[in-house]
Amino acid sequence: MPNFNGAIVMHTLQFIKTPATLREIVATIAENTNLPEDELTQPIRQTLQMGHQMGFLQKLNGRYFALPMTFELLMAETAAVGPNAGLQNVDSKKKLDKKSKQMCSLKKGQVDSEAASQINNESTTTLMPADSKLLRKPKRSQLKIK
């Protein structure tokens, strides 16, 4: 019997709606899947232990439960990280702003040759310069017919 993944255990805990013991979780899964409890006990035990070790589940007095994730909890965790957490992407934001300004000037028709060549030589998806692109084989339609 393969190990039950955490999604089934989490869904079962949400279905039970109260902290549950291993036996209660096994009984609920066995009842809903028509599988024998003795085959389910060991894989579910392993999944619960790993979920507890990884922090997805909490255990108190032999009962497992998942803490509900609320918007307030997510905001508190974000605030705990600090206001400087987003500074790593400043360079990419500057590049994106520069790219958007260039595109606006293209739309207005005020294109100078330097901006146009820079836009044409950069990849629009990754903002990588043209010289860093990998060399690719020509497409079949671009090959000369012999």
Protein backbone atom coordinates (compact mmCIF):
# COMPACT_ATOMS: atom_id res chain seq x y z
CA MET A 1 0.00 0.00 0.00
CA PRO A 2 1.58 3.33 -0.99
CA ASN A 3 1.97 6.07 1.58
CA PHE A 4 -1.03 8.39 1.80
CA ASN A 5 -0.19 11.90 0.73
CA GLY A 6 -0.79 14.87 2.93
CA ALA A 7 -3.72 16.16 0.90
CA ILE A 8 -5.90 13.20 1.88
CA VAL A 9 -4.97 13.57 5.54
CA MET A 10 -5.56 17.34 5.47
CA HIS A 11 -8.92 16.84 3.76
CA THR A 12 -9.86 14.26 6.40
CA LEU A 13 -8.94 16.63 9.23
CA GLN A 14 -11.06 19.34 7.63
CA PHE A 15 -13.90 16.84 7.24
CA ILE A 16 -13.72 15.80 10.92
CA LYS A 17 -13.55 19.50 12.00
CA THR A 18 -12.00 18.69 15.41
CA PRO A 19 -8.54 17.52 16.51
CA ALA A 20 -8.43 13.78 15.85
CA THR A 21 -6.35 10.81 16.91
CA LEU A 22 -4.64 8.46 14.50
CA ARG A 23 -7.42 5.91 15.03
CA GLU A 24 -10.16 8.45 14.20
CA ILE A 25 -8.35 9.59 11.05
CA VAL A 26 -7.79 5.99 9.92
CA ALA A 27 -11.42 5.10 10.58
CA THR A 28 -12.69 8.10 8.60
CA ILE A 29 -10.45 7.38 5.60
CA ALA A 30 -11.29 3.66 5.70
CA GLU A 31 -14.99 4.44 5.82
CA ASN A 32 -14.84 6.77 2.81
CA THR A 33 -12.46 4.66 0.69
CA ASN A 34 -13.75 1.16 1.53
CA LEU A 35 -10.22 0.03 2.45
CA PRO A 36 -9.35 -2.01 5.57
CA GLU A 37 -8.09 -0.01 8.54
CA ASP A 38 -5.11 -2.28 9.19
CA GLU A 39 -3.67 -1.49 5.73
CA LEU A 40 -4.12 2.25 6.26
CA THR A 41 -2.70 2.66 9.76
CA GLN A 42 1.04 2.60 9.00
CA PRO A 43 1.03 4.90 5.93
CA ILE A 44 -1.25 7.39 7.66
CA ARG A 45 0.94 7.33 10.79
CA GLN A 46 3.99 8.13 8.66
CA THR A 47 2.17 10.94 6.87
CA LEU A 48 0.97 12.44 10.16
CA GLN A 49 4.47 12.29 11.65
CA MET A 50 5.99 13.98 8.60
CA GLY A 51 3.24 16.60 8.55
CA HIS A 52 3.94 17.34 12.20
CA GLN A 53 7.71 17.53 11.62
CA MET A 54 7.30 19.83 8.63
CA GLY A 55 4.89 22.12 10.49
CA PHE A 56 1.77 21.46 8.42
CA LEU A 57 0.06 19.74 11.35
CA GLN A 58 0.00 20.38 15.09
CA LYS A 59 -0.17 17.63 17.71
CA LEU A 60 -1.55 18.03 21.21
CA ASN A 61 -2.30 15.15 23.59
CA GLY A 62 -2.09 12.62 20.76
CA ARG A 63 -4.55 14.52 18.58
CA TYR A 64 -3.61 16.03 15.23
CA PHE A 65 -5.06 19.23 13.84
CA ALA A 66 -4.29 21.80 11.18
CA LEU A 67 -4.26 25.46 12.07
CA PRO A 68 -6.68 27.42 9.91
CA MET A 69 -4.91 29.88 7.63
CA THR A 70 -6.70 33.19 7.76
CA PHE A 71 -5.99 36.44 6.02
CA GLU A 72 -5.02 38.02 9.34
CA LEU A 73 -2.50 35.23 10.00
CA LEU A 74 -0.96 35.65 6.56
CA MET A 75 -0.71 39.42 7.04
CA ALA A 76 0.92 38.92 10.46
CA GLU A 77 3.50 36.56 8.95
CA THR A 78 4.18 39.04 6.16
CA ALA A 79 4.64 41.86 8.67
CA ALA A 80 6.98 39.66 10.73
CA VAL A 81 9.26 39.23 7.73
CA GLY A 82 9.75 42.98 7.62
CA PRO A 83 9.39 45.81 5.14
CA ASN A 84 12.75 45.09 3.46
CA ALA A 85 11.68 41.66 2.20
CA GLY A 86 10.75 42.99 -1.23
CA LEU A 87 14.00 44.87 -1.90
CA GLN A 88 15.56 41.92 -3.68
CA ASN A 89 13.50 42.59 -6.79
CA VAL A 90 14.34 46.29 -7.10
CA ASP A 91 16.66 45.75 -10.08
CA SER A 92 14.06 43.77 -11.98
CA LYS A 93 11.45 46.46 -11.23
CA LYS A 94 13.78 49.13 -12.63
CA LYS A 95 14.29 47.09 -15.78
CA LEU A 96 10.56 46.57 -16.12
CA ASP A 97 9.88 50.30 -15.69
CA LYS A 98 12.52 51.12 -18.31
CA LYS A 99 10.99 48.58 -20.68
CA SER A 100 7.47 49.95 -20.19
CA LYS A 101 8.67 53.51 -20.88
CA GLN A 102 10.29 52.33 -24.09
CA MET A 103 7.13 50.55 -25.14
CA CYS A 104 5.06 53.69 -24.43
CA SER A 105 7.35 55.74 -26.62
CA LEU A 106 6.93 53.14 -29.36
CA LYS A 107 3.16 53.39 -29.15
CA LYS A 108 3.23 57.18 -29.36
CA GLY A 109 5.47 57.13 -32.42
CA GLN A 110 8.31 58.94 -30.70
CA VAL A 111 10.92 56.29 -31.36
CA ASP A 112 14.56 57.10 -31.51
CA SER A 113 16.89 54.62 -33.15
CA GLU A 114 18.72 53.72 -29.94
CA ALA A 115 15.55 52.80 -28.07
CA ALA A 116 14.22 50.84 -31.03
CA SER A 117 17.43 48.85 -31.40
CA GLN A 118 17.50 48.14 -27.68
CA ILE A 119 13.91 46.89 -27.69
CA ASN A 120 14.49 44.73 -30.74
CA ASN A 121 17.62 43.16 -29.28
CA GLU A 122 16.18 42.27 -25.89
CA SER A 123 14.00 39.33 -25.08
CA THR A 124 10.60 40.61 -23.99
CA THR A 125 9.89 37.74 -21.63
CA THR A 126 13.09 37.70 -19.61
CA LEU A 127 14.59 41.14 -20.31
CA MET A 128 17.85 39.45 -21.32
CA PRO A 129 20.22 41.13 -23.78
CA ALA A 130 20.41 39.57 -27.23
CA ASP A 131 24.04 38.52 -26.84
CA SER A 132 23.17 36.25 -23.92
CA LYS A 133 20.59 34.25 -25.86
CA LEU A 134 21.50 30.74 -26.81
CA LEU A 135 22.23 30.04 -30.44
CA ARG A 136 19.40 28.14 -32.02
CA LYS A 137 19.19 26.06 -35.12
CA PRO A 138 17.26 27.67 -37.97
CA LYS A 139 13.67 26.63 -38.43
CA ARG A 140 12.81 24.20 -41.15
CA SER A 141 11.06 26.97 -43.09
CA GLN A 142 14.25 29.05 -43.01
CA LEU A 143 16.47 26.35 -44.53
CA LYS A 144 17.33 26.50 -48.22
CA ILE A 145 15.84 23.84 -50.43
CA LYS A 146 18.44 21.76 -52.25
